[in-house]
Amino acid sequence: GLDYWASDLSVKILSEEVREFWTAYANKSIIDMLDAYADVRFVFEGRVFLFGIHNWKSIEELARGSADYDVLVRYADNQMTHIMNILNGMGFRDHHLDAVFEIVCDANDKKHAEKNGDGKITKGPDWYKPEGKIEEYFNTLNLKVDFK
């Protein structure tokens, strides 16, 4: 959660979420993979939105921001393609992943406006870890997940 465009922080936050996916994949933790997928998507879609509404002060600032934005989009698109290929290969379809994304969005909506020293929005008292709800949803799918 960040409510303004900041190139360095945008890449840092997105990279953290991508690393979480690959760590979960290496650990064969499907629930953590699904959570990380949703986090990558949440951060990326949020970054795209914030870039579009940022109040650019000059053409030069917009040009610098656009170059950073291009790097972010290419990185995110590349990673999401790999992540989606893995999850689709395990039997997850778009509607499954959309449901997981909604679970994570609901948890993120429980955060509040306070920020930490890095500028990230902190977790409020109503925030919950989405993994439990993701696991509940996953158990309703009856998918036989195979790590290849």
N, C-alpha and C. Protein backbone atom coordinates (compact mmCIF):
# COMPACT_ATOMS: atom_id res chain seq x y z
N GLY A 1 0.80 -1.18 0.00
CA GLY A 1 0.00 0.00 0.00
C GLY A 1 0.84 1.25 0.00
N LEU A 2 0.70 2.01 -1.03
CA LEU A 2 1.39 3.28 -1.18
C LEU A 2 0.45 4.17 -1.98
N ASP A 3 0.25 5.41 -1.56
CA ASP A 3 -0.76 6.24 -2.21
C ASP A 3 -0.18 7.32 -3.11
N TYR A 4 1.05 7.17 -3.56
CA TYR A 4 1.65 8.10 -4.50
C TYR A 4 2.66 7.34 -5.36
N TRP A 5 3.00 7.91 -6.52
CA TRP A 5 3.96 7.24 -7.40
C TRP A 5 5.37 7.50 -6.89
N ALA A 6 6.11 6.45 -6.68
CA ALA A 6 7.52 6.54 -6.32
C ALA A 6 8.22 5.38 -7.00
N SER A 7 9.03 5.70 -8.01
CA SER A 7 9.63 4.66 -8.85
C SER A 7 10.41 3.63 -8.05
N ASP A 8 11.36 4.07 -7.25
CA ASP A 8 12.20 3.13 -6.51
C ASP A 8 11.39 2.26 -5.57
N LEU A 9 10.47 2.87 -4.85
CA LEU A 9 9.65 2.11 -3.91
C LEU A 9 8.71 1.16 -4.64
N SER A 10 8.21 1.57 -5.78
CA SER A 10 7.32 0.71 -6.55
C SER A 10 8.03 -0.57 -6.97
N VAL A 11 9.25 -0.43 -7.47
CA VAL A 11 10.03 -1.60 -7.89
C VAL A 11 10.39 -2.45 -6.67
N LYS A 12 10.76 -1.80 -5.57
CA LYS A 12 11.12 -2.54 -4.35
C LYS A 12 9.95 -3.37 -3.84
N ILE A 13 8.78 -2.77 -3.73
CA ILE A 13 7.61 -3.48 -3.22
C ILE A 13 7.24 -4.64 -4.15
N LEU A 14 7.22 -4.38 -5.45
CA LEU A 14 6.87 -5.42 -6.40
C LEU A 14 7.88 -6.57 -6.34
N SER A 15 9.16 -6.23 -6.26
CA SER A 15 10.21 -7.26 -6.19
C SER A 15 10.05 -8.13 -4.95
N GLU A 16 9.69 -7.52 -3.82
CA GLU A 16 9.47 -8.28 -2.58
C GLU A 16 8.36 -9.31 -2.78
N GLU A 17 7.28 -8.89 -3.40
CA GLU A 17 6.15 -9.80 -3.60
C GLU A 17 6.51 -10.92 -4.58
N VAL A 18 7.25 -10.59 -5.62
CA VAL A 18 7.69 -11.61 -6.58
C VAL A 18 8.59 -12.63 -5.89
N ARG A 19 9.53 -12.15 -5.06
CA ARG A 19 10.40 -13.07 -4.31
C ARG A 19 9.58 -13.99 -3.41
N GLU A 20 8.52 -13.46 -2.81
CA GLU A 20 7.67 -14.30 -1.97
C GLU A 20 7.04 -15.43 -2.77
N PHE A 21 6.63 -15.15 -4.01
CA PHE A 21 6.07 -16.21 -4.83
C PHE A 21 7.11 -17.30 -5.09
N TRP A 22 8.31 -16.89 -5.52
CA TRP A 22 9.33 -17.89 -5.87
C TRP A 22 9.80 -18.65 -4.65
N THR A 23 9.82 -18.03 -3.50
CA THR A 23 10.16 -18.74 -2.26
C THR A 23 9.08 -19.77 -1.95
N ALA A 24 7.83 -19.39 -2.07
CA ALA A 24 6.72 -20.32 -1.82
C ALA A 24 6.76 -21.48 -2.82
N TYR A 25 7.08 -21.17 -4.07
CA TYR A 25 7.18 -22.21 -5.09
C TYR A 25 8.30 -23.19 -4.74
N ALA A 26 9.45 -22.66 -4.33
CA ALA A 26 10.58 -23.52 -3.95
C ALA A 26 10.23 -24.39 -2.75
N ASN A 27 9.40 -23.85 -1.85
CA ASN A 27 8.97 -24.59 -0.65
C ASN A 27 7.73 -25.45 -0.90
N LYS A 28 7.23 -25.44 -2.12
CA LYS A 28 6.03 -26.19 -2.50
C LYS A 28 4.85 -25.86 -1.59
N SER A 29 4.68 -24.59 -1.30
CA SER A 29 3.59 -24.11 -0.45
C SER A 29 2.53 -23.43 -1.31
N ILE A 30 1.52 -24.18 -1.70
CA ILE A 30 0.52 -23.67 -2.63
C ILE A 30 -0.24 -22.48 -2.06
N ILE A 31 -0.56 -22.50 -0.78
CA ILE A 31 -1.31 -21.39 -0.19
C ILE A 31 -0.47 -20.12 -0.23
N ASP A 32 0.80 -20.23 0.11
CA ASP A 32 1.69 -19.06 0.05
C ASP A 32 1.92 -18.61 -1.39
N MET A 33 1.92 -19.55 -2.33
CA MET A 33 2.04 -19.17 -3.75
C MET A 33 0.83 -18.36 -4.18
N LEU A 34 -0.35 -18.82 -3.78
CA LEU A 34 -1.57 -18.10 -4.16
C LEU A 34 -1.62 -16.71 -3.51
N ASP A 35 -1.22 -16.63 -2.25
CA ASP A 35 -1.17 -15.35 -1.56
C ASP A 35 -0.19 -14.41 -2.26
N ALA A 36 0.98 -14.91 -2.60
CA ALA A 36 2.00 -14.09 -3.26
C ALA A 36 1.53 -13.66 -4.65
N TYR A 37 0.88 -14.58 -5.39
CA TYR A 37 0.32 -14.20 -6.71
C TYR A 37 -0.60 -12.99 -6.56
N ALA A 38 -1.52 -13.07 -5.58
CA ALA A 38 -2.48 -11.99 -5.39
C ALA A 38 -1.77 -10.70 -4.97
N ASP A 39 -0.73 -10.82 -4.16
CA ASP A 39 0.03 -9.64 -3.73
C ASP A 39 0.76 -9.00 -4.92
N VAL A 40 1.36 -9.81 -5.78
CA VAL A 40 2.02 -9.28 -6.97
C VAL A 40 1.00 -8.54 -7.82
N ARG A 41 -0.13 -9.16 -8.05
CA ARG A 41 -1.18 -8.54 -8.86
C ARG A 41 -1.67 -7.24 -8.22
N PHE A 42 -1.88 -7.26 -6.91
CA PHE A 42 -2.38 -6.09 -6.18
C PHE A 42 -1.39 -4.93 -6.30
N VAL A 43 -0.12 -5.20 -6.05
CA VAL A 43 0.90 -4.15 -6.12
C VAL A 43 1.01 -3.63 -7.55
N PHE A 44 1.07 -4.54 -8.52
CA PHE A 44 1.23 -4.11 -9.90
C PHE A 44 0.05 -3.26 -10.37
N GLU A 45 -1.16 -3.74 -10.15
CA GLU A 45 -2.33 -2.98 -10.59
C GLU A 45 -2.41 -1.63 -9.87
N GLY A 46 -2.04 -1.61 -8.60
CA GLY A 46 -2.01 -0.35 -7.86
C GLY A 46 -0.99 0.62 -8.41
N ARG A 47 0.19 0.10 -8.76
CA ARG A 47 1.25 0.95 -9.32
C ARG A 47 0.81 1.56 -10.65
N VAL A 48 0.18 0.75 -11.50
CA VAL A 48 -0.30 1.24 -12.79
C VAL A 48 -1.31 2.36 -12.57
N PHE A 49 -2.24 2.14 -11.67
CA PHE A 49 -3.25 3.16 -11.38
C PHE A 49 -2.60 4.45 -10.87
N LEU A 50 -1.71 4.32 -9.89
CA LEU A 50 -1.10 5.52 -9.31
C LEU A 50 -0.23 6.28 -10.30
N PHE A 51 0.43 5.58 -11.21
CA PHE A 51 1.22 6.27 -12.22
C PHE A 51 0.30 7.16 -13.07
N GLY A 52 -0.87 6.61 -13.39
CA GLY A 52 -1.81 7.34 -14.24
C GLY A 52 -2.40 8.58 -13.60
N ILE A 53 -2.53 8.59 -12.28
CA ILE A 53 -3.16 9.75 -11.63
C ILE A 53 -2.16 10.67 -10.94
N HIS A 54 -0.86 10.33 -11.02
CA HIS A 54 0.16 11.16 -10.35
C HIS A 54 0.16 12.56 -10.96
N ASN A 55 0.33 13.56 -10.12
CA ASN A 55 0.40 14.95 -10.57
C ASN A 55 1.84 15.28 -10.96
N TRP A 56 2.17 15.09 -12.22
CA TRP A 56 3.52 15.32 -12.71
C TRP A 56 3.78 16.82 -12.75
N LYS A 57 4.90 17.25 -12.20
CA LYS A 57 5.21 18.67 -12.09
C LYS A 57 5.86 19.24 -13.35
N SER A 58 6.42 18.39 -14.18
CA SER A 58 7.07 18.86 -15.40
C SER A 58 7.15 17.72 -16.41
N ILE A 59 7.43 18.09 -17.63
CA ILE A 59 7.63 17.08 -18.69
C ILE A 59 8.84 16.22 -18.35
N GLU A 60 9.88 16.85 -17.79
CA GLU A 60 11.09 16.11 -17.43
C GLU A 60 10.78 15.06 -16.35
N GLU A 61 9.99 15.46 -15.35
CA GLU A 61 9.61 14.51 -14.31
C GLU A 61 8.78 13.37 -14.89
N LEU A 62 7.87 13.70 -15.78
CA LEU A 62 7.06 12.67 -16.44
C LEU A 62 7.94 11.75 -17.27
N ALA A 63 8.92 12.29 -17.97
CA ALA A 63 9.82 11.47 -18.79
C ALA A 63 10.61 10.50 -17.92
N ARG A 64 11.16 10.98 -16.80
CA ARG A 64 11.90 10.09 -15.88
C ARG A 64 10.96 9.03 -15.31
N GLY A 65 9.77 9.47 -14.87
CA GLY A 65 8.80 8.52 -14.33
C GLY A 65 8.36 7.50 -15.36
N SER A 66 8.22 7.92 -16.61
CA SER A 66 7.79 7.01 -17.68
C SER A 66 8.83 5.94 -17.95
N ALA A 67 10.10 6.32 -17.91
CA ALA A 67 11.16 5.33 -18.11
C ALA A 67 11.13 4.30 -16.98
N ASP A 68 10.97 4.76 -15.75
CA ASP A 68 10.88 3.84 -14.61
C ASP A 68 9.63 2.98 -14.71
N TYR A 69 8.53 3.57 -15.13
CA TYR A 69 7.27 2.86 -15.29
C TYR A 69 7.43 1.74 -16.32
N ASP A 70 8.12 2.03 -17.41
CA ASP A 70 8.34 1.02 -18.45
C ASP A 70 9.11 -0.18 -17.90
N VAL A 71 10.12 0.08 -17.10
CA VAL A 71 10.89 -1.01 -16.47
C VAL A 71 9.98 -1.83 -15.56
N LEU A 72 9.18 -1.14 -14.75
CA LEU A 72 8.26 -1.81 -13.84
C LEU A 72 7.27 -2.69 -14.59
N VAL A 73 6.68 -2.17 -15.65
CA VAL A 73 5.68 -2.92 -16.41
C VAL A 73 6.31 -4.14 -17.08
N ARG A 74 7.47 -3.98 -17.68
CA ARG A 74 8.12 -5.12 -18.33
C ARG A 74 8.48 -6.20 -17.32
N TYR A 75 9.00 -5.79 -16.17
CA TYR A 75 9.34 -6.74 -15.11
C TYR A 75 8.10 -7.46 -14.61
N ALA A 76 7.06 -6.69 -14.29
CA ALA A 76 5.82 -7.28 -13.76
C ALA A 76 5.17 -8.21 -14.78
N ASP A 77 5.13 -7.79 -16.03
CA ASP A 77 4.51 -8.61 -17.07
C ASP A 77 5.27 -9.93 -17.24
N ASN A 78 6.59 -9.86 -17.23
CA ASN A 78 7.40 -11.06 -17.35
C ASN A 78 7.16 -12.01 -16.18
N GLN A 79 7.19 -11.48 -14.97
CA GLN A 79 6.98 -12.31 -13.79
C GLN A 79 5.57 -12.88 -13.74
N MET A 80 4.57 -12.05 -14.06
CA MET A 80 3.19 -12.54 -14.03
C MET A 80 2.96 -13.63 -15.07
N THR A 81 3.62 -13.52 -16.21
CA THR A 81 3.50 -14.57 -17.22
C THR A 81 4.02 -15.90 -16.67
N HIS A 82 5.18 -15.88 -16.03
CA HIS A 82 5.73 -17.12 -15.44
C HIS A 82 4.83 -17.64 -14.32
N ILE A 83 4.39 -16.75 -13.45
CA ILE A 83 3.54 -17.14 -12.33
C ILE A 83 2.24 -17.74 -12.84
N MET A 84 1.61 -17.09 -13.81
CA MET A 84 0.35 -17.60 -14.36
C MET A 84 0.54 -18.95 -15.04
N ASN A 85 1.63 -19.11 -15.76
CA ASN A 85 1.90 -20.40 -16.42
C ASN A 85 2.01 -21.52 -15.38
N ILE A 86 2.69 -21.24 -14.28
CA ILE A 86 2.82 -22.25 -13.22
C ILE A 86 1.45 -22.57 -12.61
N LEU A 87 0.71 -21.53 -12.22
CA LEU A 87 -0.58 -21.75 -11.57
C LEU A 87 -1.59 -22.38 -12.53
N ASN A 88 -1.61 -21.96 -13.78
CA ASN A 88 -2.50 -22.59 -14.76
C ASN A 88 -2.12 -24.05 -14.97
N GLY A 89 -0.82 -24.34 -14.98
CA GLY A 89 -0.36 -25.71 -15.13
C GLY A 89 -0.76 -26.60 -13.96
N MET A 90 -1.02 -26.00 -12.81
CA MET A 90 -1.46 -26.74 -11.63
C MET A 90 -2.98 -26.91 -11.60
N GLY A 91 -3.65 -26.33 -12.57
CA GLY A 91 -5.10 -26.49 -12.65
C GLY A 91 -5.91 -25.27 -12.26
N PHE A 92 -5.24 -24.21 -11.83
CA PHE A 92 -5.97 -22.99 -11.46
C PHE A 92 -6.39 -22.24 -12.72
N ARG A 93 -7.63 -21.81 -12.73
CA ARG A 93 -8.17 -21.04 -13.83
C ARG A 93 -8.35 -19.59 -13.36
N ASP A 94 -8.62 -18.72 -14.33
CA ASP A 94 -8.72 -17.29 -14.01
C ASP A 94 -9.74 -17.02 -12.91
N HIS A 95 -10.89 -17.70 -12.94
CA HIS A 95 -11.91 -17.42 -11.92
C HIS A 95 -11.43 -17.87 -10.53
N HIS A 96 -10.60 -18.91 -10.45
CA HIS A 96 -10.02 -19.32 -9.17
C HIS A 96 -9.09 -18.21 -8.66
N LEU A 97 -8.24 -17.73 -9.55
CA LEU A 97 -7.26 -16.72 -9.16
C LEU A 97 -7.93 -15.39 -8.85
N ASP A 98 -9.02 -15.09 -9.55
CA ASP A 98 -9.78 -13.88 -9.23
C ASP A 98 -10.37 -13.96 -7.83
N ALA A 99 -10.83 -15.15 -7.44
CA ALA A 99 -11.39 -15.34 -6.09
C ALA A 99 -10.31 -15.15 -5.03
N VAL A 100 -9.12 -15.68 -5.29
CA VAL A 100 -8.00 -15.50 -4.35
C VAL A 100 -7.64 -14.02 -4.27
N PHE A 101 -7.62 -13.36 -5.40
CA PHE A 101 -7.31 -11.93 -5.44
C PHE A 101 -8.31 -11.14 -4.60
N GLU A 102 -9.57 -11.49 -4.67
CA GLU A 102 -10.60 -10.81 -3.87
C GLU A 102 -10.38 -11.02 -2.37
N ILE A 103 -9.95 -12.21 -1.99
CA ILE A 103 -9.65 -12.48 -0.57
C ILE A 103 -8.53 -11.56 -0.09
N VAL A 104 -7.48 -11.44 -0.88
CA VAL A 104 -6.35 -10.59 -0.50
C VAL A 104 -6.76 -9.12 -0.53
N CYS A 105 -7.55 -8.72 -1.51
CA CYS A 105 -8.03 -7.33 -1.55
C CYS A 105 -8.85 -7.00 -0.31
N ASP A 106 -9.69 -7.94 0.13
CA ASP A 106 -10.48 -7.72 1.34
C ASP A 106 -9.58 -7.52 2.55
N ALA A 107 -8.56 -8.35 2.67
CA ALA A 107 -7.61 -8.20 3.78
C ALA A 107 -6.90 -6.85 3.69
N ASN A 108 -6.49 -6.47 2.48
CA ASN A 108 -5.80 -5.19 2.30
C ASN A 108 -6.70 -4.01 2.63
N ASP A 109 -7.99 -4.15 2.39
CA ASP A 109 -8.95 -3.08 2.73
C ASP A 109 -9.04 -2.87 4.24
N LYS A 110 -8.58 -3.83 5.00
CA LYS A 110 -8.63 -3.73 6.47
C LYS A 110 -7.42 -2.97 7.02
N LYS A 111 -6.51 -2.58 6.15
CA LYS A 111 -5.37 -1.78 6.59
C LYS A 111 -5.87 -0.37 6.85
N HIS A 112 -5.05 0.43 7.50
CA HIS A 112 -5.46 1.81 7.76
C HIS A 112 -4.48 2.77 7.11
N ALA A 113 -4.68 4.06 7.31
CA ALA A 113 -3.92 5.08 6.60
C ALA A 113 -2.54 5.37 7.19
N GLU A 114 -2.22 4.83 8.33
CA GLU A 114 -0.91 5.08 8.92
C GLU A 114 0.17 4.40 8.08
N LYS A 115 1.34 5.05 7.99
CA LYS A 115 2.43 4.52 7.18
C LYS A 115 3.66 4.28 8.03
N ASN A 116 4.45 3.30 7.62
CA ASN A 116 5.72 3.06 8.31
C ASN A 116 6.79 3.95 7.70
N GLY A 117 8.02 3.80 8.14
CA GLY A 117 9.12 4.63 7.67
C GLY A 117 9.41 4.50 6.19
N ASP A 118 9.02 3.38 5.58
CA ASP A 118 9.22 3.17 4.14
C ASP A 118 8.08 3.74 3.30
N GLY A 119 7.06 4.28 3.95
CA GLY A 119 5.93 4.82 3.22
C GLY A 119 4.83 3.82 2.94
N LYS A 120 4.99 2.57 3.40
CA LYS A 120 3.96 1.56 3.19
C LYS A 120 2.86 1.71 4.23
N ILE A 121 1.63 1.50 3.80
CA ILE A 121 0.49 1.55 4.71
C ILE A 121 0.58 0.36 5.66
N THR A 122 0.36 0.62 6.95
CA THR A 122 0.49 -0.43 7.96
C THR A 122 -0.82 -1.18 8.15
N LYS A 123 -0.74 -2.30 8.84
CA LYS A 123 -1.91 -3.15 9.07
C LYS A 123 -2.69 -2.63 10.26
N GLY A 124 -3.99 -2.46 10.06
CA GLY A 124 -4.86 -1.98 11.12
C GLY A 124 -5.35 -3.11 12.02
N PRO A 125 -6.12 -2.77 13.04
CA PRO A 125 -6.59 -3.79 14.00
C PRO A 125 -7.55 -4.81 13.39
N ASP A 126 -8.21 -4.47 12.28
CA ASP A 126 -9.15 -5.39 11.64
C ASP A 126 -8.50 -6.22 10.54
N TRP A 127 -7.22 -5.94 10.26
CA TRP A 127 -6.53 -6.69 9.21
C TRP A 127 -6.35 -8.13 9.65
N TYR A 128 -6.39 -9.03 8.69
CA TYR A 128 -6.16 -10.45 8.97
C TYR A 128 -5.25 -11.02 7.89
N LYS A 129 -4.53 -12.07 8.26
CA LYS A 129 -3.71 -12.77 7.28
C LYS A 129 -4.65 -13.50 6.33
N PRO A 130 -4.51 -13.28 5.05
CA PRO A 130 -5.45 -13.91 4.11
C PRO A 130 -5.23 -15.40 3.88
N GLU A 131 -4.10 -15.93 4.33
CA GLU A 131 -3.78 -17.33 4.04
C GLU A 131 -4.86 -18.30 4.52
N GLY A 132 -5.46 -18.04 5.68
CA GLY A 132 -6.50 -18.93 6.19
C GLY A 132 -7.71 -18.99 5.27
N LYS A 133 -8.14 -17.83 4.79
CA LYS A 133 -9.29 -17.80 3.86
C LYS A 133 -8.91 -18.37 2.50
N ILE A 134 -7.66 -18.15 2.09
CA ILE A 134 -7.21 -18.76 0.83
C ILE A 134 -7.23 -20.27 0.95
N GLU A 135 -6.77 -20.79 2.07
CA GLU A 135 -6.76 -22.24 2.27
C GLU A 135 -8.19 -22.79 2.29
N GLU A 136 -9.10 -22.09 2.96
CA GLU A 136 -10.51 -22.52 2.96
C GLU A 136 -11.05 -22.59 1.53
N TYR A 137 -10.78 -21.56 0.75
CA TYR A 137 -11.24 -21.54 -0.64
C TYR A 137 -10.58 -22.67 -1.44
N PHE A 138 -9.28 -22.82 -1.30
CA PHE A 138 -8.56 -23.86 -2.02
C PHE A 138 -9.15 -25.25 -1.73
N ASN A 139 -9.50 -25.49 -0.48
CA ASN A 139 -10.06 -26.80 -0.11
C ASN A 139 -11.40 -27.07 -0.76
N THR A 140 -12.10 -26.04 -1.21
CA THR A 140 -13.37 -26.25 -1.91
C THR A 140 -13.18 -26.62 -3.37
N LEU A 141 -11.97 -26.46 -3.89
CA LEU A 141 -11.73 -26.64 -5.33
C LEU A 141 -11.50 -28.09 -5.73
N ASN A 142 -11.07 -28.92 -4.80
CA ASN A 142 -10.77 -30.32 -5.10
C ASN A 142 -9.76 -30.47 -6.24
N LEU A 143 -8.74 -29.61 -6.23
CA LEU A 143 -7.68 -29.70 -7.23
C LEU A 143 -6.57 -30.59 -6.69
N LYS A 144 -6.04 -31.40 -7.55
CA LYS A 144 -4.85 -32.21 -7.23
C LYS A 144 -3.65 -31.45 -7.77
N VAL A 145 -3.00 -30.70 -6.91
CA VAL A 145 -1.88 -29.88 -7.33
C VAL A 145 -0.63 -30.72 -7.41
N ASP A 146 0.05 -30.63 -8.55
CA ASP A 146 1.27 -31.39 -8.77
C ASP A 146 2.41 -30.41 -9.04
N PHE A 147 3.43 -30.44 -8.20
CA PHE A 147 4.62 -29.64 -8.41
C PHE A 147 5.55 -30.42 -9.33
N LYS A 148 5.79 -29.88 -10.50
CA LYS A 148 6.63 -30.59 -11.48
C LYS A 148 8.05 -30.13 -11.39
